[in-house]
Structures are given as structure tokens and as C-alpha cells.
Amino acid sequence: MTTRNGGNAFIIFRKQLNEHLRSLGYNLNMQEHSKIASYIWSKQSMEVKSHFKEHTVQMKKMLNDQLKQLFCKSDNDNGTDH
């Protein structure tokens, strides 16, 4: 997942699956993990995929809002001292 775009639905799904598998004691290399995640993702309903897509949209919005707060000056801050 990149900070630029928040990742896509499958990347978020894969990350959560990886965390879940690790909590169960499975330590897979990234290649094995990606194969498993891809297979499981392909079997998911559109409802599940939509859930992860919506999560992605929310993350992108949150990141964009944070970047705006960080880098955009407010209307009251015009760079001059009064």
C-alpha cells in the first residue's frame, strides 16, 4: 500500500489476510502468501470485494484530507505579519 493512493482493494485484503495467517502461526514467504491471497480473492463475492473497495475509497479520502491540512495554507495565513 502506498501513501500516495492508499492501496487498492486486493492489496488491503492481502495485508489483512497476511496478518490473520501470522496470528494463526503461519509464516509464509511473500510469493506463497500472494498465491493464496489471489486464490481466496478470486472466490470472494462482489459484496466482500465491494467492502474492501469502499475501505480503499475511505482511506484515500482520509489521506487526501491529511495532506491538505499539512500542506495547504488556511485563508487566514497569507504569509504576512500584521
C-alpha atoms as a PDB file:
ATOM      1  CA  MET A   1       0.000   0.000   0.000  1.00  0.00           C
ATOM      2  CA  THR A   2       1.397   3.367  -0.953  1.00  0.00           C
ATOM      3  CA  THR A   3       0.791   6.582   0.920  1.00  0.00           C
ATOM      4  CA  ARG A   4       0.036   8.257  -2.414  1.00  0.00           C
ATOM      5  CA  ASN A   5      -3.130   6.335  -3.164  1.00  0.00           C
ATOM      6  CA  GLY A   6      -3.945   4.232  -0.098  1.00  0.00           C
ATOM      7  CA  GLY A   7      -3.589   0.965  -1.967  1.00  0.00           C
ATOM      8  CA  ASN A   8      -6.254  -0.955  -3.813  1.00  0.00           C
ATOM      9  CA  ALA A   9      -8.887  -3.359  -2.512  1.00  0.00           C
ATOM     10  CA  PHE A  10      -6.865  -6.505  -3.181  1.00  0.00           C
ATOM     11  CA  ILE A  11      -3.748  -5.097  -1.501  1.00  0.00           C
ATOM     12  CA  ILE A  12      -5.740  -4.298   1.631  1.00  0.00           C
ATOM     13  CA  PHE A  13      -7.352  -7.746   1.529  1.00  0.00           C
ATOM     14  CA  ARG A  14      -3.936  -9.397   1.131  1.00  0.00           C
ATOM     15  CA  LYS A  15      -2.464  -7.381   4.016  1.00  0.00           C
ATOM     16  CA  GLN A  16      -5.320  -8.324   6.353  1.00  0.00           C
ATOM     17  CA  LEU A  17      -5.094 -11.968   5.290  1.00  0.00           C
ATOM     18  CA  ASN A  18      -1.356 -11.939   5.947  1.00  0.00           C
ATOM     19  CA  GLU A  19      -1.904 -10.528   9.448  1.00  0.00           C
ATOM     20  CA  HIS A  20      -4.572 -13.149  10.123  1.00  0.00           C
ATOM     21  CA  LEU A  21      -2.385 -16.029   8.921  1.00  0.00           C
ATOM     22  CA  ARG A  22       0.525 -14.800  11.042  1.00  0.00           C
ATOM     23  CA  SER A  23      -1.745 -14.642  14.089  1.00  0.00           C
ATOM     24  CA  LEU A  24      -2.522 -18.320  13.451  1.00  0.00           C
ATOM     25  CA  GLY A  25       1.200 -19.131  13.351  1.00  0.00           C
ATOM     26  CA  TYR A  26       1.706 -19.329   9.580  1.00  0.00           C
ATOM     27  CA  ASN A  27       4.876 -17.697   8.321  1.00  0.00           C
ATOM     28  CA  LEU A  28       4.689 -17.748   4.542  1.00  0.00           C
ATOM     29  CA  ASN A  29       7.045 -16.025   2.147  1.00  0.00           C
ATOM     30  CA  MET A  30       5.524 -13.249   0.047  1.00  0.00           C
ATOM     31  CA  GLN A  31       5.265 -15.403  -3.077  1.00  0.00           C
ATOM     32  CA  GLU A  32       3.314 -18.136  -1.258  1.00  0.00           C
ATOM     33  CA  HIS A  33       1.175 -15.599   0.509  1.00  0.00           C
ATOM     34  CA  SER A  34       0.332 -13.787  -2.735  1.00  0.00           C
ATOM     35  CA  LYS A  35      -0.729 -17.018  -4.436  1.00  0.00           C
ATOM     36  CA  ILE A  36      -3.031 -17.910  -1.549  1.00  0.00           C
ATOM     37  CA  ALA A  37      -4.443 -14.387  -1.328  1.00  0.00           C
ATOM     38  CA  SER A  38      -5.077 -14.289  -5.081  1.00  0.00           C
ATOM     39  CA  TYR A  39      -6.910 -17.603  -4.989  1.00  0.00           C
ATOM     40  CA  ILE A  40      -9.056 -16.623  -1.998  1.00  0.00           C
ATOM     41  CA  TRP A  41      -9.764 -13.192  -3.525  1.00  0.00           C
ATOM     42  CA  SER A  42     -10.966 -14.811  -6.745  1.00  0.00           C
ATOM     43  CA  LYS A  43     -13.521 -16.813  -4.727  1.00  0.00           C
ATOM     44  CA  GLN A  44     -14.924 -13.813  -2.842  1.00  0.00           C
ATOM     45  CA  SER A  45     -18.371 -12.437  -3.578  1.00  0.00           C
ATOM     46  CA  MET A  46     -18.845  -8.995  -5.084  1.00  0.00           C
ATOM     47  CA  GLU A  47     -20.191  -7.925  -1.691  1.00  0.00           C
ATOM     48  CA  VAL A  48     -16.884  -8.750   0.006  1.00  0.00           C
ATOM     49  CA  LYS A  49     -14.865  -7.118  -2.774  1.00  0.00           C
ATOM     50  CA  SER A  50     -17.100  -4.022  -2.573  1.00  0.00           C
ATOM     51  CA  HIS A  51     -16.417  -3.807   1.160  1.00  0.00           C
ATOM     52  CA  PHE A  52     -12.669  -3.678   0.548  1.00  0.00           C
ATOM     53  CA  LYS A  53     -13.133  -1.212  -2.328  1.00  0.00           C
ATOM     54  CA  GLU A  54     -15.129   1.108  -0.061  1.00  0.00           C
ATOM     55  CA  HIS A  55     -12.420   0.807   2.581  1.00  0.00           C
ATOM     56  CA  THR A  56      -9.902   1.872  -0.076  1.00  0.00           C
ATOM     57  CA  VAL A  57     -12.009   4.895  -1.047  1.00  0.00           C
ATOM     58  CA  GLN A  58     -12.281   5.949   2.611  1.00  0.00           C
ATOM     59  CA  MET A  59      -8.525   5.585   3.116  1.00  0.00           C
ATOM     60  CA  LYS A  60      -7.781   7.686   0.024  1.00  0.00           C
ATOM     61  CA  LYS A  61     -10.138  10.405   1.238  1.00  0.00           C
ATOM     62  CA  MET A  62      -8.575  10.388   4.698  1.00  0.00           C
ATOM     63  CA  LEU A  63      -5.048  10.608   3.270  1.00  0.00           C
ATOM     64  CA  ASN A  64      -6.032  13.426   0.909  1.00  0.00           C
ATOM     65  CA  ASP A  65      -7.614  15.354   3.790  1.00  0.00           C
ATOM     66  CA  GLN A  66      -4.478  14.891   5.894  1.00  0.00           C
ATOM     67  CA  LEU A  67      -2.249  16.072   3.051  1.00  0.00           C
ATOM     68  CA  LYS A  68      -4.416  19.139   2.525  1.00  0.00           C
ATOM     69  CA  GLN A  69      -4.168  20.003   6.220  1.00  0.00           C
ATOM     70  CA  LEU A  70      -0.433  19.506   6.164  1.00  0.00           C
ATOM     71  CA  PHE A  71       0.470  21.409   3.007  1.00  0.00           C
ATOM     72  CA  CYS A  72      -2.284  23.910   2.275  1.00  0.00           C
ATOM     73  CA  LYS A  73      -2.299  27.259   3.978  1.00  0.00           C
ATOM     74  CA  SER A  74      -5.500  28.433   5.578  1.00  0.00           C
ATOM     75  CA  ASP A  75      -7.218  31.578   4.317  1.00  0.00           C
ATOM     76  CA  ASN A  76      -6.004  33.416   7.429  1.00  0.00           C
ATOM     77  CA  ASP A  77      -2.363  32.518   6.818  1.00  0.00           C
ATOM     78  CA  ASN A  78      -1.213  34.670   3.917  1.00  0.00           C
ATOM     79  CA  GLY A  79       2.436  34.736   4.982  1.00  0.00           C
ATOM     80  CA  THR A  80       2.497  38.326   6.287  1.00  0.00           C
ATOM     81  CA  ASP A  81       2.703  39.612   9.835  1.00  0.00           C
ATOM     82  CA  HIS A  82       0.062  42.126  10.896  1.00  0.00           C
END
